[in-house]
């Protein structure tokens, strides 16, 4: 069962020190022209974002794999990036699973609030579809 928008937005989580600053710095250096970047370039930049978050949370991801779906493999400690549509919010969500476990609610709360905090303009251009945020 996926969490609702209300459950996800009920309470802003506490982020580890440096998380918001790091994501905002990544944004400042990489978001310009995002929609015009190639998928390969986006994946490279998302891997760099994951690397920065790994350092803050002191929990390395064993592998980041370009594939055809976004997901987190708990056993392999691997994040899969959809190479056909690399997504910042999806990668934050999968990293949320990496640090918080299999709880869909916890991963959604962490990733949505982090995205909303660091990317308010992009967040305002999304709409809720069940537990997902998609472009309007």
C-alpha atoms as a PDB file:
ATOM      1  CA  UNK A   1       0.000   0.000   0.000  1.00  0.00           C
ATOM      2  CA  UNK A   2       1.446   3.322  -1.054  1.00  0.00           C
ATOM      3  CA  UNK A   3       1.225   6.357   1.223  1.00  0.00           C
ATOM      4  CA  UNK A   4      -1.134   9.226   0.460  1.00  0.00           C
ATOM      5  CA  UNK A   5      -0.184  12.817  -0.292  1.00  0.00           C
ATOM      6  CA  UNK A   6      -1.512  13.760   3.134  1.00  0.00           C
ATOM      7  CA  UNK A   7       0.670  11.170   4.876  1.00  0.00           C
ATOM      8  CA  UNK A   8       3.740  12.247   2.912  1.00  0.00           C
ATOM      9  CA  UNK A   9       3.275  15.957   3.624  1.00  0.00           C
ATOM     10  CA  UNK A  10       2.047  15.578   7.236  1.00  0.00           C
ATOM     11  CA  UNK A  11       5.398  16.398   8.853  1.00  0.00           C
ATOM     12  CA  UNK A  12       8.706  17.593   7.449  1.00  0.00           C
ATOM     13  CA  UNK A  13      11.485  15.193   8.422  1.00  0.00           C
ATOM     14  CA  UNK A  14      14.797  16.190   9.931  1.00  0.00           C
ATOM     15  CA  UNK A  15      17.648  15.835   7.475  1.00  0.00           C
ATOM     16  CA  UNK A  16      21.176  15.019   8.497  1.00  0.00           C
ATOM     17  CA  UNK A  17      23.372  18.129   8.824  1.00  0.00           C
ATOM     18  CA  UNK A  18      24.632  19.245   5.418  1.00  0.00           C
ATOM     19  CA  UNK A  19      21.967  17.459   3.365  1.00  0.00           C
ATOM     20  CA  UNK A  20      19.997  20.510   2.247  1.00  0.00           C
ATOM     21  CA  UNK A  21      23.142  22.579   1.686  1.00  0.00           C
ATOM     22  CA  UNK A  22      24.724  19.841  -0.419  1.00  0.00           C
ATOM     23  CA  UNK A  23      21.633  19.323  -2.578  1.00  0.00           C
ATOM     24  CA  UNK A  24      21.239  23.071  -3.084  1.00  0.00           C
ATOM     25  CA  UNK A  25      24.908  23.352  -4.105  1.00  0.00           C
ATOM     26  CA  UNK A  26      24.444  20.452  -6.535  1.00  0.00           C
ATOM     27  CA  UNK A  27      21.394  22.254  -7.918  1.00  0.00           C
ATOM     28  CA  UNK A  28      23.281  25.544  -8.319  1.00  0.00           C
ATOM     29  CA  UNK A  29      26.016  23.790 -10.278  1.00  0.00           C
ATOM     30  CA  UNK A  30      23.934  21.417 -12.392  1.00  0.00           C
ATOM     31  CA  UNK A  31      20.289  22.342 -12.870  1.00  0.00           C
ATOM     32  CA  UNK A  32      20.711  25.051 -15.508  1.00  0.00           C
ATOM     33  CA  UNK A  33      19.635  23.616 -18.846  1.00  0.00           C
ATOM     34  CA  UNK A  34      18.632  20.295 -17.232  1.00  0.00           C
ATOM     35  CA  UNK A  35      15.910  19.548 -19.773  1.00  0.00           C
ATOM     36  CA  UNK A  36      18.416  20.027 -22.617  1.00  0.00           C
ATOM     37  CA  UNK A  37      21.093  17.751 -21.178  1.00  0.00           C
ATOM     38  CA  UNK A  38      21.451  14.274 -22.626  1.00  0.00           C
ATOM     39  CA  UNK A  39      20.249  11.356 -20.516  1.00  0.00           C
ATOM     40  CA  UNK A  40      23.866  10.205 -20.212  1.00  0.00           C
ATOM     41  CA  UNK A  41      24.856  13.587 -18.774  1.00  0.00           C
ATOM     42  CA  UNK A  42      21.883  13.570 -16.389  1.00  0.00           C
ATOM     43  CA  UNK A  43      22.831  10.095 -15.142  1.00  0.00           C
ATOM     44  CA  UNK A  44      26.423  11.221 -14.580  1.00  0.00           C
ATOM     45  CA  UNK A  45      25.201  14.229 -12.583  1.00  0.00           C
ATOM     46  CA  UNK A  46      22.722  12.129 -10.569  1.00  0.00           C
ATOM     47  CA  UNK A  47      25.521   9.717  -9.701  1.00  0.00           C
ATOM     48  CA  UNK A  48      27.510  12.694  -8.383  1.00  0.00           C
ATOM     49  CA  UNK A  49      24.518  13.736  -6.266  1.00  0.00           C
ATOM     50  CA  UNK A  50      24.260  10.211  -4.849  1.00  0.00           C
ATOM     51  CA  UNK A  51      28.001  10.267  -4.078  1.00  0.00           C
ATOM     52  CA  UNK A  52      27.601  13.539  -2.155  1.00  0.00           C
ATOM     53  CA  UNK A  53      24.690  12.143  -0.143  1.00  0.00           C
ATOM     54  CA  UNK A  54      26.615   8.937   0.591  1.00  0.00           C
ATOM     55  CA  UNK A  55      29.305  11.014   2.279  1.00  0.00           C
ATOM     56  CA  UNK A  56      26.794  12.845   4.478  1.00  0.00           C
ATOM     57  CA  UNK A  57      24.949   9.674   5.489  1.00  0.00           C
ATOM     58  CA  UNK A  58      28.135   7.584   5.715  1.00  0.00           C
ATOM     59  CA  UNK A  59      26.447   4.789   3.807  1.00  0.00           C
ATOM     60  CA  UNK A  60      27.914   4.065   0.378  1.00  0.00           C
ATOM     61  CA  UNK A  61      25.724   2.703  -2.390  1.00  0.00           C
ATOM     62  CA  UNK A  62      27.542  -0.321  -3.794  1.00  0.00           C
ATOM     63  CA  UNK A  63      26.451   0.330  -7.367  1.00  0.00           C
ATOM     64  CA  UNK A  64      24.463   2.848  -9.411  1.00  0.00           C
ATOM     65  CA  UNK A  65      23.144   1.251 -12.588  1.00  0.00           C
ATOM     66  CA  UNK A  66      21.515   2.825 -15.635  1.00  0.00           C
ATOM     67  CA  UNK A  67      18.541   0.622 -16.440  1.00  0.00           C
ATOM     68  CA  UNK A  68      14.903   0.940 -17.503  1.00  0.00           C
ATOM     69  CA  UNK A  69      13.313   1.656 -14.141  1.00  0.00           C
ATOM     70  CA  UNK A  70      14.084   3.560 -10.964  1.00  0.00           C
ATOM     71  CA  UNK A  71      14.461   1.253  -7.999  1.00  0.00           C
ATOM     72  CA  UNK A  72      16.545   0.309  -5.012  1.00  0.00           C
ATOM     73  CA  UNK A  73      17.842  -3.228  -4.609  1.00  0.00           C
ATOM     74  CA  UNK A  74      18.209  -3.733  -0.853  1.00  0.00           C
ATOM     75  CA  UNK A  75      20.242  -6.929  -1.052  1.00  0.00           C
ATOM     76  CA  UNK A  76      22.742  -5.526  -3.573  1.00  0.00           C
ATOM     77  CA  UNK A  77      22.584  -2.004  -2.084  1.00  0.00           C
ATOM     78  CA  UNK A  78      22.250  -0.727  -5.651  1.00  0.00           C
ATOM     79  CA  UNK A  79      20.287   2.166  -7.076  1.00  0.00           C
ATOM     80  CA  UNK A  80      18.894   1.793 -10.576  1.00  0.00           C
ATOM     81  CA  UNK A  81      18.343   4.936 -12.656  1.00  0.00           C
ATOM     82  CA  UNK A  82      15.845   4.882 -15.503  1.00  0.00           C
ATOM     83  CA  UNK A  83      18.124   5.748 -18.417  1.00  0.00           C
ATOM     84  CA  UNK A  84      15.159   6.801 -20.572  1.00  0.00           C
ATOM     85  CA  UNK A  85      14.024   9.503 -18.128  1.00  0.00           C
ATOM     86  CA  UNK A  86      16.544  10.223 -15.362  1.00  0.00           C
ATOM     87  CA  UNK A  87      14.730  11.979 -12.521  1.00  0.00           C
ATOM     88  CA  UNK A  88      16.096  13.948  -9.585  1.00  0.00           C
ATOM     89  CA  UNK A  89      13.124  13.238  -7.336  1.00  0.00           C
ATOM     90  CA  UNK A  90      13.170   9.523  -8.197  1.00  0.00           C
ATOM     91  CA  UNK A  91      16.849   9.258  -7.324  1.00  0.00           C
ATOM     92  CA  UNK A  92      16.271  11.065  -4.035  1.00  0.00           C
ATOM     93  CA  UNK A  93      13.483   8.559  -3.357  1.00  0.00           C
ATOM     94  CA  UNK A  94      15.702   5.553  -4.082  1.00  0.00           C
ATOM     95  CA  UNK A  95      18.454   7.023  -1.915  1.00  0.00           C
ATOM     96  CA  UNK A  96      15.796   7.436   0.785  1.00  0.00           C
ATOM     97  CA  UNK A  97      15.250   3.674   0.629  1.00  0.00           C
ATOM     98  CA  UNK A  98      19.013   3.175   0.870  1.00  0.00           C
ATOM     99  CA  UNK A  99      19.264   5.094   4.142  1.00  0.00           C
ATOM    100  CA  UNK A 100      15.821   4.428   5.641  1.00  0.00           C
ATOM    101  CA  UNK A 101      14.955   0.904   4.515  1.00  0.00           C
ATOM    102  CA  UNK A 102      11.979  -0.560   2.713  1.00  0.00           C
ATOM    103  CA  UNK A 103       9.280   1.709   4.170  1.00  0.00           C
ATOM    104  CA  UNK A 104       7.618   3.445   1.241  1.00  0.00           C
ATOM    105  CA  UNK A 105       6.239   6.118   3.550  1.00  0.00           C
ATOM    106  CA  UNK A 106       9.641   6.971   5.032  1.00  0.00           C
ATOM    107  CA  UNK A 107      11.326   7.083   1.592  1.00  0.00           C
ATOM    108  CA  UNK A 108       8.508   9.232   0.177  1.00  0.00           C
ATOM    109  CA  UNK A 109       8.523  11.655   3.111  1.00  0.00           C
ATOM    110  CA  UNK A 110      12.308  12.057   3.013  1.00  0.00           C
ATOM    111  CA  UNK A 111      12.581  12.476  -0.770  1.00  0.00           C
ATOM    112  CA  UNK A 112       9.525  14.668  -1.357  1.00  0.00           C
ATOM    113  CA  UNK A 113      10.388  17.046   1.454  1.00  0.00           C
ATOM    114  CA  UNK A 114      14.031  17.245   0.371  1.00  0.00           C
ATOM    115  CA  UNK A 115      12.968  17.937  -3.216  1.00  0.00           C
ATOM    116  CA  UNK A 116      10.350  20.468  -2.097  1.00  0.00           C
ATOM    117  CA  UNK A 117      12.913  22.243   0.107  1.00  0.00           C
ATOM    118  CA  UNK A 118      15.722  22.352  -2.442  1.00  0.00           C
ATOM    119  CA  UNK A 119      13.757  22.662  -5.693  1.00  0.00           C
ATOM    120  CA  UNK A 120      10.670  24.758  -4.821  1.00  0.00           C
ATOM    121  CA  UNK A 121      10.200  25.997  -8.397  1.00  0.00           C
ATOM    122  CA  UNK A 122      10.344  22.513  -9.884  1.00  0.00           C
ATOM    123  CA  UNK A 123       8.122  21.194  -7.095  1.00  0.00           C
ATOM    124  CA  UNK A 124       5.465  23.792  -7.922  1.00  0.00           C
ATOM    125  CA  UNK A 125       5.364  22.447 -11.496  1.00  0.00           C
ATOM    126  CA  UNK A 126       4.455  18.939 -10.331  1.00  0.00           C
ATOM    127  CA  UNK A 127       1.105  17.442  -9.486  1.00  0.00           C
ATOM    128  CA  UNK A 128       0.172  14.525  -7.292  1.00  0.00           C
ATOM    129  CA  UNK A 129      -0.948  11.291  -8.869  1.00  0.00           C
ATOM    130  CA  UNK A 130      -1.533   8.940  -5.953  1.00  0.00           C
ATOM    131  CA  UNK A 131       1.846   8.878  -4.132  1.00  0.00           C
ATOM    132  CA  UNK A 132       3.807  10.135  -7.149  1.00  0.00           C
ATOM    133  CA  UNK A 133       4.718  13.620  -8.260  1.00  0.00           C
ATOM    134  CA  UNK A 134       4.548  14.069 -12.029  1.00  0.00           C
ATOM    135  CA  UNK A 135       4.888  16.997 -14.432  1.00  0.00           C
ATOM    136  CA  UNK A 136       1.708  19.004 -14.945  1.00  0.00           C
END
